[in-house]
Amino acid sequence: ALECVQEAIESDRIDLYLQPIVGLPQRKTRCYEAFSRLRRADGGVIKPADYVDAAERANRIGVIDNMILLRAVQSLRNLGPASAPYRIFCNISPATIYDVDFFTRFTDYLDANEDLAQRLVFEFTYPAVEMMHERVKKNLRLIAERGFSFSVDHIRRFDLNWSALREQNFRYVKASGALLLSESCKGDVGHQRIKAFKKALQENEIDLIVEKVEYEEQMPEILKLGIDYGQGSLFGAPRMVGDYLPQDDASSVVTELAAAS
């Protein structure tokens, strides 16, 4: 896996994929989540599950994270004023935030694009947030001070310390459709838990996104829960950025990264 990662990085075969995040119930695209996909020399696509661990171990995940950030920013720039309604969620590895060289490069790039602070959201899994090193927490504060906000996904329960997350500038939480629907099936007890969960988020000004929504049959119950945002293959699968947003030649992005490396 590491050889594939190294070869894809050296050959500039890191692609930006986007998946829509829609407003409910209208299903109008409000945001996008950015994903990295590496391409093999034969054109085959390597998904993150097959390379993230190897890239982190080899200290190469920062290159991928930075490249995806650059391409996401380029996409917003290409849209010009038309990008104003959209936010792009970028998944960032804590290893990137921990690594001094990559973090310096990362923050330099954020400083150069501070006008996009309201439109870039950095996403972490909850297990990663729980295990964050103090240096990572400190560096997150530096990102938040620049006006950028965060999102957390992979939550397994509803009674987390939402006020502590809000203090770190987490403004979004993603809960899977399966988690919410299984709770909803528990009758009054489940509905009360979801109600308390939504109230805690509202009090902390954190928006809830139901993710991994795949089937139309899930929608009536999801809509009953009164959730504002949805994501999943039902609303649009992850696709190459050009399928969702018009693109200019990306060579300037590659040149910029090469200069910074």
C-alpha atoms as a PDB file:
ATOM      1  CA  ALA A   1       0.000   0.000   0.000  1.00  0.00           C
ATOM      2  CA  LEU A   2       2.827   2.402   0.832  1.00  0.00           C
ATOM      3  CA  GLU A   3       4.407   1.971  -2.607  1.00  0.00           C
ATOM      4  CA  CYS A   4       1.064   2.846  -4.201  1.00  0.00           C
ATOM      5  CA  VAL A   5       0.800   5.947  -1.996  1.00  0.00           C
ATOM      6  CA  GLN A   6       4.328   7.103  -2.778  1.00  0.00           C
ATOM      7  CA  GLU A   7       3.908   6.518  -6.497  1.00  0.00           C
ATOM      8  CA  ALA A   8       0.538   8.332  -6.596  1.00  0.00           C
ATOM      9  CA  ILE A   9       2.001  11.338  -4.747  1.00  0.00           C
ATOM     10  CA  GLU A  10       5.094  11.537  -6.971  1.00  0.00           C
ATOM     11  CA  SER A  11       3.003  11.182 -10.148  1.00  0.00           C
ATOM     12  CA  ASP A  12       0.345  13.699  -9.013  1.00  0.00           C
ATOM     13  CA  ARG A  13      -2.420  11.125  -9.042  1.00  0.00           C
ATOM     14  CA  ILE A  14      -4.310  12.523  -6.042  1.00  0.00           C
ATOM     15  CA  ASP A  15      -7.869  13.407  -7.027  1.00  0.00           C
ATOM     16  CA  LEU A  16     -10.475  15.509  -5.250  1.00  0.00           C
ATOM     17  CA  TYR A  17     -13.905  13.918  -4.978  1.00  0.00           C
ATOM     18  CA  LEU A  18     -16.933  15.764  -3.602  1.00  0.00           C
ATOM     19  CA  GLN A  19     -20.185  14.546  -2.065  1.00  0.00           C
ATOM     20  CA  PRO A  20     -23.167  16.892  -1.581  1.00  0.00           C
ATOM     21  CA  ILE A  21     -24.570  17.779   1.834  1.00  0.00           C
ATOM     22  CA  VAL A  22     -28.177  18.847   1.293  1.00  0.00           C
ATOM     23  CA  GLY A  23     -30.693  20.944   3.182  1.00  0.00           C
ATOM     24  CA  LEU A  24     -33.769  19.036   4.314  1.00  0.00           C
ATOM     25  CA  PRO A  25     -36.528  18.595   3.354  1.00  0.00           C
ATOM     26  CA  GLN A  26     -35.855  20.401   0.034  1.00  0.00           C
ATOM     27  CA  ARG A  27     -32.654  18.413  -0.735  1.00  0.00           C
ATOM     28  CA  LYS A  28     -30.888  21.438  -2.182  1.00  0.00           C
ATOM     29  CA  THR A  29     -27.082  21.208  -2.039  1.00  0.00           C
ATOM     30  CA  ARG A  30     -25.709  23.425   0.745  1.00  0.00           C
ATOM     31  CA  CYS A  31     -22.187  22.051   1.256  1.00  0.00           C
ATOM     32  CA  TYR A  32     -19.807  19.425  -0.076  1.00  0.00           C
ATOM     33  CA  GLU A  33     -17.544  16.980   1.687  1.00  0.00           C
ATOM     34  CA  ALA A  34     -14.112  16.584   0.090  1.00  0.00           C
ATOM     35  CA  PHE A  35     -12.515  13.152  -0.214  1.00  0.00           C
ATOM     36  CA  SER A  36      -9.124  12.101  -1.511  1.00  0.00           C
ATOM     37  CA  ARG A  37      -8.795   9.283  -4.010  1.00  0.00           C
ATOM     38  CA  LEU A  38      -5.450   8.003  -5.243  1.00  0.00           C
ATOM     39  CA  ARG A  39      -5.119   6.612  -8.762  1.00  0.00           C
ATOM     40  CA  ARG A  40      -2.893   3.724  -9.777  1.00  0.00           C
ATOM     41  CA  ALA A  41      -0.860   3.923 -12.958  1.00  0.00           C
ATOM     42  CA  ASP A  42      -3.469   1.714 -14.663  1.00  0.00           C
ATOM     43  CA  GLY A  43      -6.229   4.194 -13.756  1.00  0.00           C
ATOM     44  CA  GLY A  44      -7.678   2.108 -10.919  1.00  0.00           C
ATOM     45  CA  VAL A  45      -8.926   4.084  -7.913  1.00  0.00           C
ATOM     46  CA  ILE A  46      -7.565   3.442  -4.415  1.00  0.00           C
ATOM     47  CA  LYS A  47      -9.996   4.392  -1.642  1.00  0.00           C
ATOM     48  CA  PRO A  48      -8.848   5.960   1.657  1.00  0.00           C
ATOM     49  CA  ALA A  49      -9.558   2.788   3.656  1.00  0.00           C
ATOM     50  CA  ASP A  50      -6.815   1.124   1.605  1.00  0.00           C
ATOM     51  CA  TYR A  51      -4.097   3.744   2.065  1.00  0.00           C
ATOM     52  CA  VAL A  52      -4.691   6.099   5.004  1.00  0.00           C
ATOM     53  CA  ASP A  53      -3.046   3.859   7.624  1.00  0.00           C
ATOM     54  CA  ALA A  54       0.008   3.264   5.445  1.00  0.00           C
ATOM     55  CA  ALA A  55       0.277   6.984   4.593  1.00  0.00           C
ATOM     56  CA  GLU A  56       0.044   7.966   8.273  1.00  0.00           C
ATOM     57  CA  ARG A  57       2.682   5.441   9.295  1.00  0.00           C
ATOM     58  CA  ALA A  58       5.039   6.720   6.592  1.00  0.00           C
ATOM     59  CA  ASN A  59       4.355  10.361   7.479  1.00  0.00           C
ATOM     60  CA  ARG A  60       2.894  11.020   4.012  1.00  0.00           C
ATOM     61  CA  ILE A  61      -0.727  11.745   4.951  1.00  0.00           C
ATOM     62  CA  GLY A  62       0.123  15.445   5.274  1.00  0.00           C
ATOM     63  CA  VAL A  63       0.954  15.637   1.559  1.00  0.00           C
ATOM     64  CA  ILE A  64      -2.441  14.155   0.711  1.00  0.00           C
ATOM     65  CA  ASP A  65      -4.332  16.376   3.177  1.00  0.00           C
ATOM     66  CA  ASN A  66      -2.562  19.485   1.920  1.00  0.00           C
ATOM     67  CA  MET A  67      -3.200  18.583  -1.714  1.00  0.00           C
ATOM     68  CA  ILE A  68      -6.913  18.042  -1.069  1.00  0.00           C
ATOM     69  CA  LEU A  69      -7.085  21.362   0.800  1.00  0.00           C
ATOM     70  CA  LEU A  70      -5.377  23.113  -2.136  1.00  0.00           C
ATOM     71  CA  ARG A  71      -7.764  21.560  -4.631  1.00  0.00           C
ATOM     72  CA  ALA A  72     -10.812  22.391  -2.483  1.00  0.00           C
ATOM     73  CA  VAL A  73      -9.713  26.016  -2.241  1.00  0.00           C
ATOM     74  CA  GLN A  74      -9.065  26.086  -5.987  1.00  0.00           C
ATOM     75  CA  SER A  75     -12.610  24.797  -6.578  1.00  0.00           C
ATOM     76  CA  LEU A  76     -14.073  27.623  -4.501  1.00  0.00           C
ATOM     77  CA  ARG A  77     -11.855  30.152  -6.287  1.00  0.00           C
ATOM     78  CA  ASN A  78     -12.953  28.826  -9.685  1.00  0.00           C
ATOM     79  CA  LEU A  79     -16.581  29.400  -8.734  1.00  0.00           C
ATOM     80  CA  GLY A  80     -15.866  33.013  -7.830  1.00  0.00           C
ATOM     81  CA  PRO A  81     -18.859  34.809  -6.260  1.00  0.00           C
ATOM     82  CA  ALA A  82     -21.002  31.754  -7.071  1.00  0.00           C
ATOM     83  CA  SER A  83     -19.164  29.849  -4.308  1.00  0.00           C
ATOM     84  CA  ALA A  84     -20.668  32.070  -1.583  1.00  0.00           C
ATOM     85  CA  PRO A  85     -23.518  29.664  -0.649  1.00  0.00           C
ATOM     86  CA  TYR A  86     -21.251  26.612  -0.326  1.00  0.00           C
ATOM     87  CA  ARG A  87     -18.979  25.219   2.349  1.00  0.00           C
ATOM     88  CA  ILE A  88     -16.505  22.417   1.731  1.00  0.00           C
ATOM     89  CA  PHE A  89     -15.768  19.953   4.542  1.00  0.00           C
ATOM     90  CA  CYS A  90     -12.184  18.642   4.402  1.00  0.00           C
ATOM     91  CA  ASN A  91     -11.127  15.555   6.341  1.00  0.00           C
ATOM     92  CA  ILE A  92      -7.815  16.162   8.096  1.00  0.00           C
ATOM     93  CA  SER A  93      -5.695  13.583   9.881  1.00  0.00           C
ATOM     94  CA  PRO A  94      -4.528  14.564  13.388  1.00  0.00           C
ATOM     95  CA  ALA A  95      -1.082  13.445  12.155  1.00  0.00           C
ATOM     96  CA  THR A  96      -1.104  16.411   9.733  1.00  0.00           C
ATOM     97  CA  ILE A  97      -1.938  18.820  12.561  1.00  0.00           C
ATOM     98  CA  TYR A  98       0.754  17.201  14.754  1.00  0.00           C
ATOM     99  CA  ASP A  99       3.539  17.309  12.160  1.00  0.00           C
ATOM    100  CA  VAL A 100       5.388  20.617  12.549  1.00  0.00           C
ATOM    101  CA  ASP A 101       6.413  20.992   8.891  1.00  0.00           C
ATOM    102  CA  PHE A 102       3.031  20.146   7.445  1.00  0.00           C
ATOM    103  CA  PHE A 103       1.187  22.214  10.024  1.00  0.00           C
ATOM    104  CA  THR A 104       3.329  25.256   9.232  1.00  0.00           C
ATOM    105  CA  ARG A 105       2.594  24.822   5.534  1.00  0.00           C
ATOM    106  CA  PHE A 106      -1.073  24.254   6.312  1.00  0.00           C
ATOM    107  CA  THR A 107      -1.452  27.440   8.380  1.00  0.00           C
ATOM    108  CA  ASP A 108       0.522  29.502   5.859  1.00  0.00           C
ATOM    109  CA  TYR A 109      -1.997  28.410   3.253  1.00  0.00           C
ATOM    110  CA  LEU A 110      -4.937  29.211   5.550  1.00  0.00           C
ATOM    111  CA  ASP A 111      -3.484  32.681   6.163  1.00  0.00           C
ATOM    112  CA  ALA A 112      -3.238  33.230   2.416  1.00  0.00           C
ATOM    113  CA  ASN A 113      -6.901  32.232   2.048  1.00  0.00           C
ATOM    114  CA  GLU A 114      -8.404  33.713   5.188  1.00  0.00           C
ATOM    115  CA  ASP A 115     -11.286  35.163   3.166  1.00  0.00           C
ATOM    116  CA  LEU A 116     -12.522  31.560   2.799  1.00  0.00           C
ATOM    117  CA  ALA A 117     -12.624  30.916   6.566  1.00  0.00           C
ATOM    118  CA  GLN A 118     -16.419  30.722   6.569  1.00  0.00           C
ATOM    119  CA  ARG A 119     -16.412  28.249   3.704  1.00  0.00           C
ATOM    120  CA  LEU A 120     -13.862  25.648   4.782  1.00  0.00           C
ATOM    121  CA  VAL A 121     -14.719  23.229   7.587  1.00  0.00           C
ATOM    122  CA  PHE A 122     -12.165  20.704   8.853  1.00  0.00           C
ATOM    123  CA  GLU A 123     -13.550  17.320   9.829  1.00  0.00           C
ATOM    124  CA  PHE A 124     -12.252  14.787  12.349  1.00  0.00           C
ATOM    125  CA  THR A 125     -13.623  11.493  13.607  1.00  0.00           C
ATOM    126  CA  TYR A 126     -14.758  11.477  17.233  1.00  0.00           C
ATOM    127  CA  PRO A 127     -12.265   8.718  18.172  1.00  0.00           C
ATOM    128  CA  ALA A 128      -9.501  10.978  16.786  1.00  0.00           C
ATOM    129  CA  VAL A 129     -10.821  13.944  18.805  1.00  0.00           C
ATOM    130  CA  GLU A 130     -10.878  11.815  21.979  1.00  0.00           C
ATOM    131  CA  MET A 131      -7.253  10.768  21.544  1.00  0.00           C
ATOM    132  CA  MET A 132      -5.832  14.101  20.423  1.00  0.00           C
ATOM    133  CA  HIS A 133      -2.343  14.949  21.632  1.00  0.00           C
ATOM    134  CA  GLU A 134      -2.018  18.283  23.465  1.00  0.00           C
ATOM    135  CA  ARG A 135       0.015  19.674  20.542  1.00  0.00           C
ATOM    136  CA  VAL A 136      -2.840  18.862  18.173  1.00  0.00           C
ATOM    137  CA  LYS A 137      -5.364  20.570  20.480  1.00  0.00           C
ATOM    138  CA  LYS A 138      -3.144  23.642  20.663  1.00  0.00           C
ATOM    139  CA  ASN A 139      -2.798  23.714  16.876  1.00  0.00           C
ATOM    140  CA  LEU A 140      -6.565  23.333  16.477  1.00  0.00           C
ATOM    141  CA  ARG A 141      -6.942  26.476  18.574  1.00  0.00           C
ATOM    142  CA  LEU A 142      -4.607  28.277  16.176  1.00  0.00           C
ATOM    143  CA  ILE A 143      -6.820  27.207  13.250  1.00  0.00           C
ATOM    144  CA  ALA A 144      -9.990  28.258  15.099  1.00  0.00           C
ATOM    145  CA  GLU A 145      -8.454  31.656  15.898  1.00  0.00           C
ATOM    146  CA  ARG A 146      -8.179  32.208  12.152  1.00  0.00           C
ATOM    147  CA  GLY A 147     -11.965  31.820  11.888  1.00  0.00           C
ATOM    148  CA  PHE A 148     -12.110  28.245  10.568  1.00  0.00           C
ATOM    149  CA  SER A 149     -14.552  25.803  12.128  1.00  0.00           C
ATOM    150  CA  PHE A 150     -14.654  22.029  12.652  1.00  0.00           C
ATOM    151  CA  SER A 151     -16.951  19.075  12.201  1.00  0.00           C
ATOM    152  CA  VAL A 152     -16.969  15.728  14.010  1.00  0.00           C
ATOM    153  CA  ASP A 153     -18.263  12.433  12.648  1.00  0.00           C
ATOM    154  CA  HIS A 154     -18.215   8.749  13.667  1.00  0.00           C
ATOM    155  CA  ILE A 155     -20.092   9.466  16.891  1.00  0.00           C
ATOM    156  CA  ARG A 156     -21.480   6.388  18.643  1.00  0.00           C
ATOM    157  CA  ARG A 157     -23.643   8.075  21.293  1.00  0.00           C
ATOM    158  CA  PHE A 158     -25.584  11.265  21.890  1.00  0.00           C
ATOM    159  CA  ASP A 159     -24.476  12.362  25.376  1.00  0.00           C
ATOM    160  CA  LEU A 160     -21.034  13.695  24.510  1.00  0.00           C
ATOM    161  CA  ASN A 161     -19.613  16.899  25.976  1.00  0.00           C
ATOM    162  CA  TRP A 162     -21.007  19.209  23.318  1.00  0.00           C
ATOM    163  CA  SER A 163     -20.112  22.426  25.146  1.00  0.00           C
ATOM    164  CA  ALA A 164     -16.435  21.347  25.266  1.00  0.00           C
ATOM    165  CA  LEU A 165     -16.523  20.643  21.524  1.00  0.00           C
ATOM    166  CA  ARG A 166     -18.187  24.013  20.892  1.00  0.00           C
ATOM    167  CA  GLU A 167     -15.419  25.742  22.841  1.00  0.00           C
ATOM    168  CA  GLN A 168     -12.966  24.200  20.364  1.00  0.00           C
ATOM    169  CA  ASN A 169     -15.083  25.682  17.524  1.00  0.00           C
ATOM    170  CA  PHE A 170     -16.782  22.461  16.441  1.00  0.00           C
ATOM    171  CA  ARG A 171     -19.859  23.763  14.630  1.00  0.00           C
ATOM    172  CA  TYR A 172     -21.112  20.570  12.969  1.00  0.00           C
ATOM    173  CA  VAL A 173     -21.738  17.004  14.067  1.00  0.00           C
ATOM    174  CA  LYS A 174     -22.559  14.101  11.777  1.00  0.00           C
ATOM    175  CA  ALA A 175     -24.646  11.184  13.011  1.00  0.00           C
ATOM    176  CA  SER A 176     -25.309   8.202  10.774  1.00  0.00           C
ATOM    177  CA  GLY A 177     -28.840   7.520   9.627  1.00  0.00           C
ATOM    178  CA  ALA A 178     -28.529   4.024  11.127  1.00  0.00           C
ATOM    179  CA  LEU A 179     -27.656   5.423  14.589  1.00  0.00           C
ATOM    180  CA  LEU A 180     -30.552   7.891  14.584  1.00  0.00           C
ATOM    181  CA  LEU A 181     -33.095   5.443  13.171  1.00  0.00           C
ATOM    182  CA  SER A 182     -32.147   2.658  15.594  1.00  0.00           C
ATOM    183  CA  GLU A 183     -32.635   5.110  18.464  1.00  0.00           C
ATOM    184  CA  SER A 184     -35.918   6.297  16.980  1.00  0.00           C
ATOM    185  CA  CYS A 185     -37.145   2.666  16.952  1.00  0.00           C
ATOM    186  CA  LYS A 186     -36.889   2.545  20.752  1.00  0.00           C
ATOM    187  CA  GLY A 187     -40.185   4.410  21.151  1.00  0.00           C
ATOM    188  CA  ASP A 188     -40.625   7.234  23.655  1.00  0.00           C
ATOM    189  CA  VAL A 189     -37.261   6.615  25.356  1.00  0.00           C
ATOM    190  CA  GLY A 190     -35.398   6.855  22.050  1.00  0.00           C
ATOM    191  CA  HIS A 191     -37.324   9.931  20.943  1.00  0.00           C
ATOM    192  CA  GLN A 192     -36.563  11.644  24.259  1.00  0.00           C
ATOM    193  CA  ARG A 193     -32.853  10.876  23.822  1.00  0.00           C
ATOM    194  CA  ILE A 194     -32.834  12.331  20.309  1.00  0.00           C
ATOM    195  CA  LYS A 195     -34.775  15.375  21.524  1.00  0.00           C
ATOM    196  CA  ALA A 196     -32.241  15.954  24.328  1.00  0.00           C
ATOM    197  CA  PHE A 197     -29.393  15.475  21.829  1.00  0.00           C
ATOM    198  CA  LYS A 198     -30.833  18.046  19.427  1.00  0.00           C
ATOM    199  CA  LYS A 199     -31.509  20.481  22.293  1.00  0.00           C
ATOM    200  CA  ALA A 200     -27.894  20.194  23.513  1.00  0.00           C
ATOM    201  CA  LEU A 201     -26.621  20.853  19.978  1.00  0.00           C
ATOM    202  CA  GLN A 202     -28.952  23.821  19.560  1.00  0.00           C
ATOM    203  CA  GLU A 203     -27.823  25.331  22.864  1.00  0.00           C
ATOM    204  CA  ASN A 204     -24.221  25.047  21.674  1.00  0.00           C
ATOM    205  CA  GLU A 205     -24.977  26.323  18.142  1.00  0.00           C
ATOM    206  CA  ILE A 206     -23.847  23.065  16.547  1.00  0.00           C
ATOM    207  CA  ASP A 207     -25.614  21.942  13.356  1.00  0.00           C
ATOM    208  CA  LEU A 208     -26.607  18.287  12.955  1.00  0.00           C
ATOM    209  CA  ILE A 209     -26.060  16.453   9.666  1.00  0.00           C
ATOM    210  CA  VAL A 210     -27.555  12.975   9.199  1.00  0.00           C
ATOM    211  CA  GLU A 211     -25.077  11.030   7.077  1.00  0.00           C
ATOM    212  CA  LYS A 212     -24.915   7.699   5.264  1.00  0.00           C
ATOM    213  CA  VAL A 213     -28.507   8.059   4.061  1.00  0.00           C
ATOM    214  CA  GLU A 214     -28.847   5.486   1.295  1.00  0.00           C
ATOM    215  CA  TYR A 215     -32.526   4.623   0.852  1.00  0.00           C
ATOM    216  CA  GLU A 216     -35.672   6.597   0.166  1.00  0.00           C
ATOM    217  CA  GLU A 217     -37.479   4.415   2.730  1.00  0.00           C
ATOM    218  CA  GLN A 218     -35.357   6.015   5.479  1.00  0.00           C
ATOM    219  CA  MET A 219     -36.563   9.518   4.688  1.00  0.00           C
ATOM    220  CA  PRO A 220     -40.032   9.686   6.317  1.00  0.00           C
ATOM    221  CA  GLU A 221     -38.602   8.834   9.739  1.00  0.00           C
ATOM    222  CA  ILE A 222     -35.557  11.102   9.251  1.00  0.00           C
ATOM    223  CA  LEU A 223     -37.813  14.009   8.300  1.00  0.00           C
ATOM    224  CA  LYS A 224     -39.962  13.323  11.381  1.00  0.00           C
ATOM    225  CA  LEU A 225     -36.862  13.881  13.495  1.00  0.00           C
ATOM    226  CA  GLY A 226     -36.600  17.421  12.090  1.00  0.00           C
ATOM    227  CA  ILE A 227     -32.950  17.274  11.010  1.00  0.00           C
ATOM    228  CA  ASP A 228     -31.770  20.164   8.836  1.00  0.00           C
ATOM    229  CA  TYR A 229     -29.025  18.543   6.750  1.00  0.00           C
ATOM    230  CA  GLY A 230     -28.485  15.186   5.052  1.00  0.00           C
ATOM    231  CA  GLN A 231     -25.639  13.396   3.294  1.00  0.00           C
ATOM    232  CA  GLY A 232     -25.427  10.013   1.626  1.00  0.00           C
ATOM    233  CA  SER A 233     -25.706   8.180  -1.664  1.00  0.00           C
ATOM    234  CA  LEU A 234     -29.452   8.948  -1.804  1.00  0.00           C
ATOM    235  CA  PHE A 235     -28.572  12.624  -2.322  1.00  0.00           C
ATOM    236  CA  GLY A 236     -25.434  12.096  -4.407  1.00  0.00           C
ATOM    237  CA  ALA A 237     -22.427   9.786  -4.367  1.00  0.00           C
ATOM    238  CA  PRO A 238     -18.825  11.015  -4.059  1.00  0.00           C
ATOM    239  CA  ARG A 239     -17.750  11.997  -7.585  1.00  0.00           C
ATOM    240  CA  MET A 240     -14.840  13.739  -9.257  1.00  0.00           C
ATOM    241  CA  VAL A 241     -14.949  17.444  -8.414  1.00  0.00           C
ATOM    242  CA  GLY A 242     -15.694  18.375 -12.037  1.00  0.00           C
ATOM    243  CA  ASP A 243     -18.974  16.444 -11.896  1.00  0.00           C
ATOM    244  CA  TYR A 244     -20.288  18.876  -9.282  1.00  0.00           C
ATOM    245  CA  LEU A 245     -18.336  22.113  -9.749  1.00  0.00           C
ATOM    246  CA  PRO A 246     -16.787  23.648 -12.881  1.00  0.00           C
ATOM    247  CA  GLN A 247     -12.995  23.371 -12.902  1.00  0.00           C
ATOM    248  CA  ASP A 248     -10.124  25.307 -14.426  1.00  0.00           C
ATOM    249  CA  ASP A 249      -6.756  23.761 -15.148  1.00  0.00           C
ATOM    250  CA  ALA A 250      -5.398  22.553 -11.802  1.00  0.00           C
ATOM    251  CA  SER A 251      -1.725  22.904 -12.742  1.00  0.00           C
ATOM    252  CA  SER A 252      -1.388  26.053 -10.630  1.00  0.00           C
ATOM    253  CA  VAL A 253      -2.413  24.005  -7.581  1.00  0.00           C
ATOM    254  CA  VAL A 254       0.226  21.375  -8.289  1.00  0.00           C
ATOM    255  CA  THR A 255       2.890  24.045  -8.798  1.00  0.00           C
ATOM    256  CA  GLU A 256       1.894  25.692  -5.514  1.00  0.00           C
ATOM    257  CA  LEU A 257       2.208  22.430  -3.585  1.00  0.00           C
ATOM    258  CA  ALA A 258       5.512  21.540  -5.234  1.00  0.00           C
ATOM    259  CA  ALA A 259       6.909  24.931  -4.264  1.00  0.00           C
ATOM    260  CA  ALA A 260       5.839  24.383  -0.673  1.00  0.00           C
ATOM    261  CA  SER A 261       7.181  20.808  -0.437  1.00  0.00           C
END
